[in-house]
Amino acid sequence: MYICVIADYGTGDPAFTEVVQRLLMAFPHAQVHSLSVPPFSTLATGFWIAQLGLNPGYSDRLIYHNCAPRQDDPQSRRDNEGEGLTYALLSNNVKVVGVNAGYTLSFIKHHTKLLKVVNVSRGGSQFRSRDVFPPAAAAIVNEDFTLLGDSLDPEQIPDIPLDRIAWIDGYGNIKTTIPAHTMNLEPETKVVIRIGDVVSDAVYSDGSFKVPEGTLAFAPGSSGWQSASGGEQIRWMELFLRGGNAWERFGKPRVNQRITQIA
């Protein structure tokens, strides 16, 4: 079995080790990979749930995610209560267990066979992903569905915001939530992009490497998956500075920051 743990604990944080240790109690022979997203970034969490869950991979796969900003209720919290746990069975039978917060389920909400609340305590620990959730995930993976509750209505889950930074990769490429199919431009068209207070010229391209060295390309990137209808391939636009770093060009913006095409 393959388990991907997606959480906002922080790169290298021992919290990942603690959670993996609990998961391995239930799945001692599993391969586990940890992916750290920025603090409270439900958008990045949702993006990677979809990218890793909806693309080809190991058939026996669990995505276990925890990014719970506890922003569903602005009032003081009783007993460390937070957003509720959910279970999604994707269209390709990948299992997804994690907190329903912000955009965590937005990218997959139309790609599920099953989307349900998991009836476990919403409180009881500041570290629920270690102390409360692993036994529930283990039960579900072992086809014990007694903890499953009401179905979630996809219409009650926020839509993907189509103008944000979803991720910055190790090369400084900026992955966006702008769908490539919404771009009605000819290749080599010049565009102007604003992120925060920084504005930069770019060239629209149908392939990132089809631009000269030193040119900022605005092009369909490497991330995406098949649409829920099973037809077209969803691709997300990416800002790519060939021979440089697009993230630095735009002043090191944050994930979830708004992107505007102003020309």
Protein backbone atom coordinates (compact mmCIF):
# COMPACT_ATOMS: atom_id res chain seq x y z
CA MET A 1 0.00 0.00 0.00
CA TYR A 2 1.09 3.57 -0.74
CA ILE A 3 0.13 6.45 1.58
CA CYS A 4 0.71 10.12 0.82
CA VAL A 5 0.47 12.43 3.83
CA ILE A 6 -0.26 16.03 2.81
CA ALA A 7 -0.17 18.54 5.67
CA ASP A 8 0.93 22.02 6.67
CA TYR A 9 3.13 21.00 9.59
CA GLY A 10 6.24 22.45 7.95
CA THR A 11 9.11 20.95 5.97
CA GLY A 12 11.11 18.63 8.21
CA ASP A 13 8.69 19.04 11.12
CA PRO A 14 8.67 15.98 13.41
CA ALA A 15 4.87 16.16 13.31
CA PHE A 16 5.07 14.26 10.02
CA THR A 17 7.06 11.52 11.72
CA GLU A 18 4.53 11.28 14.53
CA VAL A 19 1.61 10.95 12.11
CA VAL A 20 3.42 8.42 9.92
CA GLN A 21 4.27 6.39 13.02
CA ARG A 22 0.57 6.18 13.90
CA LEU A 23 -0.44 5.28 10.34
CA LEU A 24 2.19 2.54 10.20
CA MET A 25 0.64 0.96 13.29
CA ALA A 26 -2.35 0.17 11.06
CA PHE A 27 -0.40 -0.35 7.81
CA PRO A 28 3.01 -1.74 8.84
CA HIS A 29 4.05 -2.63 5.28
CA ALA A 30 2.95 0.61 3.65
CA GLN A 31 5.21 2.99 1.77
CA VAL A 32 4.61 6.52 3.08
CA HIS A 33 5.52 9.81 1.44
CA SER A 34 5.07 13.20 3.15
CA LEU A 35 4.30 16.45 1.34
CA SER A 36 4.47 19.76 3.19
CA VAL A 37 2.27 22.66 2.08
CA PRO A 38 2.44 26.26 3.37
CA PRO A 39 0.73 26.97 6.72
CA PHE A 40 -3.09 27.02 6.47
CA SER A 41 -2.94 26.66 2.67
CA THR A 42 -6.05 24.66 1.91
CA LEU A 43 -5.66 25.67 -1.75
CA ALA A 44 -2.25 23.99 -2.09
CA THR A 45 -3.57 21.00 -0.15
CA GLY A 46 -6.53 20.59 -2.49
CA PHE A 47 -4.35 21.07 -5.56
CA TRP A 48 -1.99 18.26 -4.56
CA ILE A 49 -4.78 15.93 -3.48
CA ALA A 50 -6.08 16.15 -7.03
CA GLN A 51 -2.70 16.09 -8.79
CA LEU A 52 -1.56 13.00 -6.90
CA GLY A 53 -4.93 11.32 -6.59
CA LEU A 54 -6.33 11.73 -10.10
CA ASN A 55 -3.18 10.84 -12.02
CA PRO A 56 -1.74 7.34 -12.59
CA GLY A 57 -0.05 5.74 -9.61
CA TYR A 58 -0.01 2.77 -7.31
CA SER A 59 -3.45 1.14 -7.39
CA ASP A 60 -3.72 0.63 -3.62
CA ARG A 61 -3.39 4.28 -2.65
CA LEU A 62 -4.48 6.45 0.29
CA ILE A 63 -4.14 10.21 0.43
CA TYR A 64 -4.27 11.35 4.05
CA HIS A 65 -4.45 15.11 4.40
CA ASN A 66 -4.58 17.60 7.21
CA CYS A 67 -4.71 21.33 6.76
CA ALA A 68 -7.20 22.66 9.32
CA PRO A 69 -6.97 26.43 9.87
CA ARG A 70 -10.04 26.19 12.17
CA GLN A 71 -11.61 29.07 10.26
CA ASP A 72 -15.06 27.53 9.94
CA ASP A 73 -16.09 29.27 13.18
CA PRO A 74 -14.51 32.54 14.42
CA GLN A 75 -15.60 31.92 18.01
CA SER A 76 -13.35 30.43 20.69
CA ARG A 77 -12.80 26.67 20.39
CA ARG A 78 -13.98 24.13 22.90
CA ASP A 79 -11.70 21.15 23.43
CA ASN A 80 -9.54 22.08 20.36
CA GLU A 81 -12.49 21.38 18.07
CA GLY A 82 -11.81 21.86 14.37
CA GLU A 83 -13.20 21.16 10.93
CA GLY A 84 -14.68 17.70 10.38
CA LEU A 85 -13.10 14.62 8.83
CA THR A 86 -14.25 13.39 5.40
CA TYR A 87 -13.81 10.40 3.13
CA ALA A 88 -13.73 10.60 -0.65
CA LEU A 89 -13.50 7.68 -3.05
CA LEU A 90 -12.19 9.10 -6.31
CA SER A 91 -13.37 8.00 -9.73
CA ASN A 92 -10.22 5.86 -10.10
CA ASN A 93 -10.78 4.22 -6.66
CA VAL A 94 -8.07 6.20 -4.85
CA LYS A 95 -9.11 6.78 -1.23
CA VAL A 96 -8.83 10.25 0.31
CA VAL A 97 -9.23 10.88 4.05
CA GLY A 98 -8.82 14.30 5.58
CA VAL A 99 -10.29 17.51 6.92
CA ASN A 100 -12.90 19.45 4.98
CA ALA A 101 -11.52 22.97 5.26
CA GLY A 102 -11.44 25.78 2.73
CA TYR A 103 -10.44 24.42 -0.67
CA THR A 104 -9.17 20.99 0.41
CA LEU A 105 -11.95 19.21 -1.51
CA SER A 106 -12.56 21.79 -4.23
CA PHE A 107 -10.36 20.21 -6.91
CA ILE A 108 -11.81 16.71 -6.46
CA LYS A 109 -15.46 17.41 -5.64
CA HIS A 110 -16.64 16.48 -9.14
CA HIS A 111 -14.30 13.46 -9.39
CA THR A 112 -15.75 11.30 -6.62
CA LYS A 113 -17.82 8.15 -6.48
CA LEU A 114 -18.42 8.74 -2.79
CA LEU A 115 -18.01 11.82 -0.60
CA LYS A 116 -19.02 11.47 3.03
CA VAL A 117 -18.55 12.83 6.52
CA VAL A 118 -16.58 10.58 8.87
CA ASN A 119 -18.15 10.42 12.31
CA VAL A 120 -15.20 10.93 14.62
CA SER A 121 -14.65 13.54 17.30
CA ARG A 122 -14.00 17.05 16.02
CA GLY A 123 -12.11 17.83 19.21
CA GLY A 124 -10.24 16.05 21.96
CA SER A 125 -6.74 16.92 20.81
CA GLN A 126 -4.76 19.79 19.37
CA PHE A 127 -3.10 17.15 17.17
CA ARG A 128 -6.14 15.35 15.76
CA SER A 129 -4.31 14.05 12.69
CA ARG A 130 -2.13 12.01 15.04
CA ASP A 131 -4.45 11.20 17.93
CA VAL A 132 -7.95 10.96 16.42
CA PHE A 133 -7.93 10.43 12.66
CA PRO A 134 -5.56 7.48 11.91
CA PRO A 135 -7.85 4.75 13.36
CA ALA A 136 -10.72 6.10 11.24
CA ALA A 137 -8.56 6.06 8.11
CA ALA A 138 -7.47 2.50 8.90
CA ALA A 139 -11.07 1.35 9.32
CA ILE A 140 -12.12 2.86 5.99
CA VAL A 141 -9.18 1.42 4.06
CA ASN A 142 -10.05 -1.99 5.56
CA GLU A 143 -13.63 -1.53 4.27
CA ASP A 144 -15.17 -0.96 7.67
CA PHE A 145 -17.57 1.85 6.83
CA THR A 146 -19.41 2.06 10.13
CA LEU A 147 -17.94 5.51 10.81
CA LEU A 148 -19.28 7.00 7.59
CA GLY A 149 -22.06 9.52 8.02
CA ASP A 150 -23.97 11.86 5.75
CA SER A 151 -23.03 12.49 2.14
CA LEU A 152 -21.47 15.84 1.34
CA ASP A 153 -23.11 17.95 -1.34
CA PRO A 154 -20.42 19.05 -3.82
CA GLU A 155 -22.32 22.30 -4.29
CA GLN A 156 -21.63 23.15 -0.64
CA ILE A 157 -17.88 22.85 -1.22
CA PRO A 158 -16.21 26.04 -2.50
CA ASP A 159 -15.37 26.22 -6.18
CA ILE A 160 -11.74 26.53 -7.23
CA PRO A 161 -10.73 30.20 -7.41
CA LEU A 162 -9.52 30.55 -10.99
CA ASP A 163 -6.97 33.34 -10.47
CA ARG A 164 -4.57 32.18 -7.77
CA ILE A 165 -1.08 30.79 -7.23
CA ALA A 166 -1.48 27.10 -6.45
CA TRP A 167 2.20 26.23 -5.96
CA ILE A 168 5.77 27.42 -6.48
CA ASP A 169 8.07 24.58 -7.48
CA GLY A 170 11.77 24.17 -6.76
CA TYR A 171 12.75 26.01 -9.95
CA GLY A 172 10.62 29.05 -9.13
CA ASN A 173 7.93 28.16 -11.65
CA ILE A 174 4.54 29.48 -10.54
CA LYS A 175 1.71 26.98 -10.95
CA THR A 176 -1.66 28.71 -11.16
CA THR A 177 -5.33 27.80 -10.93
CA ILE A 178 -5.99 29.39 -14.33
CA PRO A 179 -7.31 26.65 -16.68
CA ALA A 180 -5.39 26.49 -19.95
CA HIS A 181 -8.57 25.99 -21.97
CA THR A 182 -9.80 29.45 -20.92
CA MET A 183 -6.91 31.15 -22.73
CA ASN A 184 -7.95 32.37 -26.17
CA LEU A 185 -4.57 33.61 -27.39
CA GLU A 186 -2.28 32.86 -30.26
CA PRO A 187 1.21 31.53 -29.40
CA GLU A 188 3.80 34.30 -28.94
CA THR A 189 1.14 36.83 -27.94
CA LYS A 190 2.55 39.33 -25.44
CA VAL A 191 0.64 39.62 -22.16
CA VAL A 192 1.08 41.61 -18.96
CA ILE A 193 0.75 39.80 -15.63
CA ARG A 194 0.29 41.34 -12.19
CA ILE A 195 0.92 39.52 -8.91
CA GLY A 196 0.60 41.78 -5.89
CA ASP A 197 2.42 45.02 -6.66
CA VAL A 198 4.67 43.51 -9.34
CA VAL A 199 3.84 43.73 -13.03
CA SER A 200 5.79 41.88 -15.72
CA ASP A 201 5.60 41.31 -19.45
CA ALA A 202 5.24 37.69 -20.53
CA VAL A 203 4.76 35.70 -23.70
CA TYR A 204 1.88 33.28 -24.10
CA SER A 205 3.22 29.93 -25.25
CA ASP A 206 1.71 26.52 -25.89
CA GLY A 207 4.90 24.97 -24.50
CA SER A 208 7.21 26.50 -21.86
CA PHE A 209 10.47 25.79 -23.69
CA LYS A 210 9.26 27.42 -26.89
CA VAL A 211 10.54 30.81 -25.70
CA PRO A 212 14.04 32.32 -25.76
CA GLU A 213 16.34 32.26 -22.74
CA GLY A 214 15.41 34.99 -20.26
CA THR A 215 11.79 35.24 -21.41
CA LEU A 216 8.88 34.88 -19.02
CA ALA A 217 6.45 32.38 -20.48
CA PHE A 218 2.77 32.06 -19.62
CA ALA A 219 2.01 28.55 -20.75
CA PRO A 220 0.13 25.33 -19.93
CA GLY A 221 2.20 23.66 -17.25
CA SER A 222 2.93 20.10 -16.22
CA SER A 223 0.04 19.82 -13.75
CA GLY A 224 -3.46 18.64 -14.56
CA TRP A 225 -5.73 15.65 -14.91
CA GLN A 226 -8.61 14.35 -16.98
CA SER A 227 -11.87 16.26 -16.63
CA ALA A 228 -14.71 14.77 -14.62
CA SER A 229 -16.61 14.10 -17.83
CA GLY A 230 -13.75 11.89 -19.01
CA GLY A 231 -13.16 14.03 -22.08
CA GLU A 232 -10.65 16.86 -22.24
CA GLN A 233 -7.49 17.03 -20.17
CA ILE A 234 -7.46 19.81 -17.60
CA ARG A 235 -4.19 21.74 -17.67
CA TRP A 236 -3.23 24.64 -15.44
CA MET A 237 -1.34 27.70 -16.63
CA GLU A 238 2.16 28.24 -15.35
CA LEU A 239 4.57 31.18 -15.24
CA PHE A 240 8.02 30.03 -16.26
CA LEU A 241 11.14 32.16 -16.63
CA ARG A 242 13.49 30.24 -18.88
CA GLY A 243 16.98 30.40 -17.41
CA GLY A 244 15.70 32.27 -14.35
CA ASN A 245 13.18 32.22 -11.52
CA ALA A 246 9.61 33.46 -12.08
CA TRP A 247 8.89 33.49 -8.35
CA GLU A 248 11.79 35.90 -7.75
CA ARG A 249 10.76 37.98 -10.78
CA PHE A 250 7.42 38.63 -9.06
CA GLY A 251 8.94 39.45 -5.66
CA LYS A 252 8.50 36.00 -4.09
CA PRO A 253 4.69 35.95 -3.86
CA ARG A 254 2.79 33.55 -1.61
CA VAL A 255 0.66 30.57 -2.52
CA ASN A 256 -3.00 31.66 -2.84
CA GLN A 257 -2.03 35.16 -3.99
CA ARG A 258 -4.18 36.56 -6.80
CA ILE A 259 -2.87 36.70 -10.38
CA THR A 260 -4.25 39.23 -12.84
CA GLN A 261 -3.76 39.35 -16.59
CA ILE A 262 -4.03 43.07 -17.32
CA ALA A 263 -3.19 43.02 -21.02
